[in-house]
Each structure stands twice: as structure tokens, then as C-alpha cells.
């Protein structure tokens, strides 16, 4: 959805999606993978204490001011982190990932419109 919203140039909506829909789900998956589910309902709570530096830096790279290029960069960073988390989960729990779909989404997010 985020890729389509960005393709239409809806920067404010893309910004909102990053912070209200995508980030909480990413953080929940990250917490699950790190065995840190104490703050499951509010996954950003105590993030600085609960997650390793690498994950905190990846999360920060998915945030942005509501400016066109900043949101587009954050969206690409968010997608890369989502794919990395999904790959880690797939390896751990033998989950099949839709790689072709992932490539199509990556292509759309990398479109510099």
C-alpha cells in the first residue's frame, strides 16, 4: 500500500502509514525475533532498553519528517528492514516468502518519481 501511495505523490499519507501502521508491525516482528515481547501492545515502548543497537538504528532509519524525499528514503529503508526481518523469520520458522511480490514492491519503491 505504501508503494502505491507514494507513487500517487501522497507524501503526508505515506508518512502516516510509516508511523502508524508499518512501524508497529515491524517492531512487533523484531521483538518476537529478539525474544523481547514484554511491550508487545506498544512495541516502541522501552525500545532503547529492550532491543540491540543494530535494530534501534534500523528503526530510526525508517522515520522521517513529512517531506517528499525524506519519506521516500524512510520508506525504502523500512522496506529493506521488513524484508530482512521477514527473511530472518522465514529461516527460523520455515515460512515461505513471496519473493516475486517482494521484488515488485522493491521496484516500485525505488522508482524515483
C-alpha atoms as a PDB file:
ATOM      1  CA  UNK A   1       0.000   0.000   0.000  1.00  0.00           C
ATOM      2  CA  UNK A   2       2.801   2.407   0.904  1.00  0.00           C
ATOM      3  CA  UNK A   3       4.418   1.999  -2.520  1.00  0.00           C
ATOM      4  CA  UNK A   4       1.137   2.849  -4.254  1.00  0.00           C
ATOM      5  CA  UNK A   5       0.506   5.848  -2.002  1.00  0.00           C
ATOM      6  CA  UNK A   6       3.988   7.186  -2.756  1.00  0.00           C
ATOM      7  CA  UNK A   7       3.511   6.584  -6.482  1.00  0.00           C
ATOM      8  CA  UNK A   8       0.476   8.880  -6.304  1.00  0.00           C
ATOM      9  CA  UNK A   9       2.570  11.514  -4.520  1.00  0.00           C
ATOM     10  CA  UNK A  10       0.588  11.364  -1.276  1.00  0.00           C
ATOM     11  CA  UNK A  11       3.503  12.210   0.995  1.00  0.00           C
ATOM     12  CA  UNK A  12       1.520  13.037   4.146  1.00  0.00           C
ATOM     13  CA  UNK A  13      -0.442   9.810   3.868  1.00  0.00           C
ATOM     14  CA  UNK A  14       2.758   7.805   3.274  1.00  0.00           C
ATOM     15  CA  UNK A  15       4.300   9.471   6.324  1.00  0.00           C
ATOM     16  CA  UNK A  16       1.302   8.474   8.419  1.00  0.00           C
ATOM     17  CA  UNK A  17       1.403   4.889   7.124  1.00  0.00           C
ATOM     18  CA  UNK A  18       5.068   4.567   8.053  1.00  0.00           C
ATOM     19  CA  UNK A  19       4.462   5.641  11.622  1.00  0.00           C
ATOM     20  CA  UNK A  20       1.020   4.274  12.454  1.00  0.00           C
ATOM     21  CA  UNK A  21       0.805   1.014  10.505  1.00  0.00           C
ATOM     22  CA  UNK A  22       4.183  -0.221   9.346  1.00  0.00           C
ATOM     23  CA  UNK A  23       6.494   0.683  12.242  1.00  0.00           C
ATOM     24  CA  UNK A  24       4.427  -1.028  14.961  1.00  0.00           C
ATOM     25  CA  UNK A  25       4.251  -4.258  12.934  1.00  0.00           C
ATOM     26  CA  UNK A  26       7.980  -4.152  12.182  1.00  0.00           C
ATOM     27  CA  UNK A  27       8.775  -3.604  15.823  1.00  0.00           C
ATOM     28  CA  UNK A  28       6.490  -6.455  16.880  1.00  0.00           C
ATOM     29  CA  UNK A  29       8.234  -8.836  14.492  1.00  0.00           C
ATOM     30  CA  UNK A  30      11.613  -7.549  15.631  1.00  0.00           C
ATOM     31  CA  UNK A  31      10.652  -8.050  19.281  1.00  0.00           C
ATOM     32  CA  UNK A  32       9.414 -11.551  18.533  1.00  0.00           C
ATOM     33  CA  UNK A  33      12.695 -12.415  16.819  1.00  0.00           C
ATOM     34  CA  UNK A  34      14.695 -10.948  19.726  1.00  0.00           C
ATOM     35  CA  UNK A  35      12.592 -12.654  22.426  1.00  0.00           C
ATOM     36  CA  UNK A  36      11.595  -9.271  23.810  1.00  0.00           C
ATOM     37  CA  UNK A  37       7.798  -9.244  23.849  1.00  0.00           C
ATOM     38  CA  UNK A  38       7.179  -7.538  27.205  1.00  0.00           C
ATOM     39  CA  UNK A  39       5.934  -4.402  25.414  1.00  0.00           C
ATOM     40  CA  UNK A  40       4.005  -6.166  22.689  1.00  0.00           C
ATOM     41  CA  UNK A  41       0.994  -3.845  22.606  1.00  0.00           C
ATOM     42  CA  UNK A  42       3.195  -0.746  22.432  1.00  0.00           C
ATOM     43  CA  UNK A  43       6.273  -2.070  20.650  1.00  0.00           C
ATOM     44  CA  UNK A  44       8.124   1.269  20.667  1.00  0.00           C
ATOM     45  CA  UNK A  45       7.942   1.400  24.479  1.00  0.00           C
ATOM     46  CA  UNK A  46      11.369   0.980  26.103  1.00  0.00           C
ATOM     47  CA  UNK A  47      12.838   0.256  22.679  1.00  0.00           C
ATOM     48  CA  UNK A  48      16.138   1.816  23.746  1.00  0.00           C
ATOM     49  CA  UNK A  49      16.495  -0.657  26.613  1.00  0.00           C
ATOM     50  CA  UNK A  50      14.929  -3.738  25.025  1.00  0.00           C
ATOM     51  CA  UNK A  51      16.475  -4.006  21.560  1.00  0.00           C
ATOM     52  CA  UNK A  52      20.062  -4.136  20.323  1.00  0.00           C
ATOM     53  CA  UNK A  53      21.727  -1.054  18.802  1.00  0.00           C
ATOM     54  CA  UNK A  54      21.506  -2.528  15.302  1.00  0.00           C
ATOM     55  CA  UNK A  55      17.718  -2.798  15.490  1.00  0.00           C
ATOM     56  CA  UNK A  56      17.374   0.655  17.020  1.00  0.00           C
ATOM     57  CA  UNK A  57      19.408   2.139  14.160  1.00  0.00           C
ATOM     58  CA  UNK A  58      17.375   0.253  11.565  1.00  0.00           C
ATOM     59  CA  UNK A  59      14.174   1.554  13.175  1.00  0.00           C
ATOM     60  CA  UNK A  60      15.446   5.142  13.245  1.00  0.00           C
ATOM     61  CA  UNK A  61      16.266   4.943   9.544  1.00  0.00           C
ATOM     62  CA  UNK A  62      12.572   4.225   8.892  1.00  0.00           C
ATOM     63  CA  UNK A  63      11.470   7.523  10.421  1.00  0.00           C
ATOM     64  CA  UNK A  64      11.334  10.866   8.640  1.00  0.00           C
ATOM     65  CA  UNK A  65       9.950  14.345   8.536  1.00  0.00           C
ATOM     66  CA  UNK A  66       6.918  14.645   6.257  1.00  0.00           C
ATOM     67  CA  UNK A  67       8.985  15.862   3.292  1.00  0.00           C
ATOM     68  CA  UNK A  68       8.920  14.111  -0.073  1.00  0.00           C
ATOM     69  CA  UNK A  69      12.480  12.753  -0.333  1.00  0.00           C
ATOM     70  CA  UNK A  70      12.763  12.072   3.411  1.00  0.00           C
ATOM     71  CA  UNK A  71       9.600   9.951   3.351  1.00  0.00           C
ATOM     72  CA  UNK A  72      10.697   8.111   0.208  1.00  0.00           C
ATOM     73  CA  UNK A  73      14.084   7.307   1.769  1.00  0.00           C
ATOM     74  CA  UNK A  74      12.439   6.180   5.007  1.00  0.00           C
ATOM     75  CA  UNK A  75      10.022   4.001   3.016  1.00  0.00           C
ATOM     76  CA  UNK A  76      12.901   2.284   1.182  1.00  0.00           C
ATOM     77  CA  UNK A  77      14.755   1.781   4.467  1.00  0.00           C
ATOM     78  CA  UNK A  78      11.601   0.444   6.068  1.00  0.00           C
ATOM     79  CA  UNK A  79      11.032  -2.000   3.218  1.00  0.00           C
ATOM     80  CA  UNK A  80      14.634  -3.247   3.400  1.00  0.00           C
ATOM     81  CA  UNK A  81      14.322  -3.797   7.140  1.00  0.00           C
ATOM     82  CA  UNK A  82      10.955  -5.531   6.704  1.00  0.00           C
ATOM     83  CA  UNK A  83      12.500  -7.882   4.155  1.00  0.00           C
ATOM     84  CA  UNK A  84      15.442  -8.604   6.436  1.00  0.00           C
ATOM     85  CA  UNK A  85      13.142  -9.313   9.372  1.00  0.00           C
ATOM     86  CA  UNK A  86      10.898 -11.488   7.196  1.00  0.00           C
ATOM     87  CA  UNK A  87      13.907 -13.433   5.909  1.00  0.00           C
ATOM     88  CA  UNK A  88      15.093 -13.993   9.468  1.00  0.00           C
ATOM     89  CA  UNK A  89      11.622 -15.187  10.474  1.00  0.00           C
ATOM     90  CA  UNK A  90      11.411 -17.433   7.403  1.00  0.00           C
ATOM     91  CA  UNK A  91      14.716 -19.017   8.278  1.00  0.00           C
ATOM     92  CA  UNK A  92      13.736 -19.562  11.880  1.00  0.00           C
ATOM     93  CA  UNK A  93      10.204 -20.834  11.351  1.00  0.00           C
ATOM     94  CA  UNK A  94      10.342 -22.284   7.816  1.00  0.00           C
ATOM     95  CA  UNK A  95       7.928 -19.716   6.385  1.00  0.00           C
ATOM     96  CA  UNK A  96       7.583 -19.329   2.621  1.00  0.00           C
ATOM     97  CA  UNK A  97       8.066 -15.751   1.433  1.00  0.00           C
ATOM     98  CA  UNK A  98       6.555 -14.330  -1.784  1.00  0.00           C
ATOM     99  CA  UNK A  99       9.882 -13.270  -3.310  1.00  0.00           C
ATOM    100  CA  UNK A 100       8.402 -12.221  -6.656  1.00  0.00           C
ATOM    101  CA  UNK A 101       5.960  -9.885  -4.916  1.00  0.00           C
ATOM    102  CA  UNK A 102       8.782  -8.538  -2.768  1.00  0.00           C
ATOM    103  CA  UNK A 103      10.786  -7.706  -5.894  1.00  0.00           C
ATOM    104  CA  UNK A 104       7.835  -5.892  -7.466  1.00  0.00           C
ATOM    105  CA  UNK A 105       7.380  -3.815  -4.314  1.00  0.00           C
ATOM    106  CA  UNK A 106      11.107  -3.051  -4.218  1.00  0.00           C
ATOM    107  CA  UNK A 107      10.987  -1.882  -7.834  1.00  0.00           C
ATOM    108  CA  UNK A 108       8.058   0.412  -7.140  1.00  0.00           C
ATOM    109  CA  UNK A 109       9.696   1.913  -4.049  1.00  0.00           C
ATOM    110  CA  UNK A 110      12.931   2.524  -5.953  1.00  0.00           C
ATOM    111  CA  UNK A 111      11.103   4.395  -8.708  1.00  0.00           C
ATOM    112  CA  UNK A 112      12.400   7.966  -8.253  1.00  0.00           C
ATOM    113  CA  UNK A 113       9.157   9.708  -9.290  1.00  0.00           C
END
